[in-house]
Amino acid sequence: MLFNLPNLISFSRIPLALLFLYENPLYRLIAVCLAMLSDGLDGYLARRQKITTKVGTLLDPFADKFFVIFVVCILIHEEKLQIWQAITLGCRDLSVLVFGIHLILNKRLSTYQFRAILCGKITTFLQFFVLLALTLNLSIPDPLFITFILLGLLSLVELALPKRSGVA
């Protein structure tokens, strides 16, 4: 089902990103906080109500990526985020892309069991944390950005491991 509450919550992150077009710190703070809240709430509700859908499993990460990429582009334009920092934020996504290409080249894409991975959840949380800190005009120590590179590498390992029962 396309129109269920968890999917609508996921979709809401897309227009929330547009609030960053306004240089209003309050709007931006609200947008990041609501995006963070909705990121956890949509999956929780889908599992609790037993209405997980293929649309939802695609929409949730797409909405996350859209929000983060849109906001990162604005922060780069405003010179609040450097290009190298933005690139590190996307290391996990690059790892997922590399793994997807590996699956395609080895004709395993149709049989691979896609799932949320712990490194992905940690990365998304940290991405939102960075956006929140930058929205509040806080400085981010460079080692935190290096963490995104490590999470990207760990994501490759986690994706390559067989699915275990009990893992989100």
Protein backbone atom coordinates (compact mmCIF):
# COMPACT_ATOMS: atom_id res chain seq x y z
CA MET A 1 0.00 0.00 0.00
CA LEU A 2 1.44 3.31 -1.09
CA PHE A 3 -0.54 5.63 1.19
CA ASN A 4 -0.03 4.49 4.74
CA LEU A 5 1.13 6.54 7.71
CA PRO A 6 4.77 5.35 7.75
CA ASN A 7 5.15 6.12 4.01
CA LEU A 8 3.59 9.56 4.43
CA ILE A 9 5.96 10.26 7.32
CA SER A 10 8.93 9.19 5.15
CA PHE A 11 7.72 11.36 2.27
CA SER A 12 7.40 14.38 4.59
CA ARG A 13 11.20 14.66 4.76
CA ILE A 14 11.30 15.78 1.13
CA PRO A 15 9.36 19.06 1.58
CA LEU A 16 11.04 19.59 4.97
CA ALA A 17 14.35 20.01 3.13
CA LEU A 18 12.86 22.94 1.22
CA LEU A 19 12.75 24.92 4.46
CA PHE A 20 16.52 25.31 4.05
CA LEU A 21 15.85 27.64 1.13
CA TYR A 22 14.99 30.20 3.79
CA GLU A 23 17.94 31.52 5.78
CA ASN A 24 15.86 31.35 8.92
CA PRO A 25 17.63 29.42 11.71
CA LEU A 26 14.34 28.52 13.41
CA TYR A 27 12.86 27.01 10.21
CA ARG A 28 16.06 25.08 9.64
CA LEU A 29 16.20 23.82 13.21
CA ILE A 30 12.59 22.66 12.99
CA ALA A 31 13.27 20.96 9.64
CA VAL A 32 16.28 19.00 10.94
CA CYS A 33 14.55 18.01 14.18
CA LEU A 34 11.42 16.84 12.35
CA ALA A 35 13.52 14.96 9.79
CA MET A 36 15.39 13.19 12.60
CA LEU A 37 12.16 12.34 14.39
CA SER A 38 10.42 11.14 11.24
CA ASP A 39 13.39 8.96 10.29
CA GLY A 40 12.93 6.83 13.39
CA LEU A 41 9.16 7.07 13.59
CA ASP A 42 8.32 5.80 10.09
CA GLY A 43 10.16 2.50 10.48
CA TYR A 44 8.93 2.00 14.03
CA LEU A 45 5.30 2.47 12.99
CA ALA A 46 5.66 0.25 9.92
CA ARG A 47 7.07 -2.61 12.01
CA ARG A 48 4.65 -2.11 14.90
CA GLN A 49 1.59 -1.96 12.64
CA LYS A 50 2.99 -4.73 10.40
CA ILE A 51 2.63 -2.60 7.27
CA THR A 52 6.14 -2.69 5.88
CA THR A 53 5.99 -2.31 2.10
CA LYS A 54 8.46 -2.37 -0.78
CA VAL A 55 7.54 1.27 -1.43
CA GLY A 56 8.39 2.12 2.17
CA THR A 57 11.71 0.29 2.10
CA LEU A 58 12.70 2.39 -0.93
CA LEU A 59 11.02 5.65 0.10
CA ASP A 60 12.63 5.85 3.55
CA PRO A 61 16.27 5.84 2.40
CA PHE A 62 15.40 7.98 -0.64
CA ALA A 63 13.82 10.63 1.61
CA ASP A 64 16.88 10.52 3.88
CA LYS A 65 19.25 10.95 0.93
CA PHE A 66 17.17 13.74 -0.60
CA PHE A 67 17.04 15.65 2.67
CA VAL A 68 20.75 15.27 3.40
CA ILE A 69 21.94 16.02 -0.15
CA PHE A 70 19.65 19.04 -0.53
CA VAL A 71 20.71 20.52 2.81
CA VAL A 72 24.39 19.75 2.20
CA CYS A 73 24.26 21.57 -1.14
CA ILE A 74 22.80 24.64 0.54
CA LEU A 75 25.39 24.52 3.33
CA ILE A 76 28.20 24.25 0.78
CA HIS A 77 26.77 27.22 -1.10
CA GLU A 78 26.64 29.20 2.15
CA GLU A 79 30.23 28.11 2.91
CA LYS A 80 29.20 26.45 6.17
CA LEU A 81 30.43 23.08 4.89
CA GLN A 82 33.53 22.36 2.86
CA ILE A 83 33.47 20.09 -0.20
CA TRP A 84 35.75 17.47 1.39
CA GLN A 85 33.44 17.33 4.41
CA ALA A 86 30.41 16.85 2.18
CA ILE A 87 32.17 14.04 0.32
CA THR A 88 32.88 12.20 3.58
CA LEU A 89 29.19 12.44 4.49
CA GLY A 90 28.45 10.38 1.37
CA CYS A 91 31.03 7.62 1.90
CA ARG A 92 28.48 5.07 3.13
CA ASP A 93 26.28 5.78 0.09
CA LEU A 94 29.28 5.33 -2.19
CA SER A 95 29.96 1.99 -0.50
CA VAL A 96 26.38 0.89 -1.08
CA LEU A 97 26.70 1.92 -4.74
CA VAL A 98 29.94 -0.07 -5.12
CA PHE A 99 28.29 -3.10 -3.51
CA GLY A 100 25.28 -2.74 -5.82
CA ILE A 101 27.56 -2.67 -8.87
CA HIS A 102 29.28 -5.80 -7.52
CA LEU A 103 25.89 -7.53 -7.25
CA ILE A 104 24.97 -6.52 -10.81
CA LEU A 105 28.29 -7.65 -12.29
CA ASN A 106 28.01 -11.00 -10.50
CA LYS A 107 24.33 -11.41 -11.42
CA ARG A 108 23.30 -11.57 -7.77
CA LEU A 109 21.13 -8.45 -7.58
CA SER A 110 17.83 -10.32 -7.90
CA THR A 111 18.71 -12.84 -5.17
CA TYR A 112 20.34 -10.51 -2.65
CA GLN A 113 18.26 -9.92 0.48
CA PHE A 114 18.26 -6.16 0.98
CA ARG A 115 18.03 -5.00 4.56
CA ALA A 116 18.76 -2.07 6.79
CA ILE A 117 22.27 -2.27 8.18
CA LEU A 118 23.56 -0.99 11.50
CA CYS A 119 26.29 1.12 9.86
CA GLY A 120 23.60 2.75 7.74
CA LYS A 121 21.51 3.64 10.76
CA ILE A 122 24.54 5.05 12.59
CA THR A 123 25.61 7.03 9.52
CA THR A 124 22.16 8.53 8.99
CA PHE A 125 21.99 9.55 12.66
CA LEU A 126 25.43 11.18 12.46
CA GLN A 127 24.53 12.93 9.20
CA PHE A 128 21.48 14.46 10.86
CA PHE A 129 23.62 15.34 13.89
CA VAL A 130 26.11 17.20 11.66
CA LEU A 131 23.28 19.05 9.89
CA LEU A 132 21.77 19.97 13.25
CA ALA A 133 25.11 21.24 14.57
CA LEU A 134 25.77 23.29 11.43
CA THR A 135 22.23 24.69 11.62
CA LEU A 136 23.07 25.87 15.14
CA ASN A 137 26.35 27.37 13.80
CA LEU A 138 28.44 24.93 15.83
CA SER A 139 31.78 23.78 14.51
CA ILE A 140 32.30 20.11 13.80
CA PRO A 141 35.71 18.61 14.60
CA ASP A 142 37.40 17.12 11.53
CA PRO A 143 37.76 13.63 13.09
CA LEU A 144 33.98 13.27 13.02
CA PHE A 145 34.07 13.58 9.24
CA ILE A 146 36.74 10.86 9.11
CA THR A 147 34.25 8.63 10.97
CA PHE A 148 32.02 8.72 7.88
CA ILE A 149 34.83 7.19 5.81
CA LEU A 150 35.22 4.38 8.34
CA LEU A 151 31.46 3.81 8.42
CA GLY A 152 31.49 3.58 4.63
CA LEU A 153 34.12 0.85 4.74
CA LEU A 154 32.31 -0.98 7.54
CA SER A 155 29.10 -0.79 5.50
CA LEU A 156 30.77 -2.75 2.71
CA VAL A 157 31.75 -5.45 5.19
CA GLU A 158 28.29 -5.52 6.75
CA LEU A 159 26.58 -5.74 3.35
CA ALA A 160 28.82 -8.63 2.30
CA LEU A 161 28.01 -10.67 5.41
CA PRO A 162 25.01 -13.00 5.21
CA LYS A 163 21.81 -11.76 6.81
CA ARG A 164 21.49 -12.83 10.43
CA SER A 165 18.17 -13.30 12.17
CA GLY A 166 17.34 -10.65 14.72
CA VAL A 167 19.22 -7.87 12.92
CA ALA A 168 17.12 -4.82 12.03
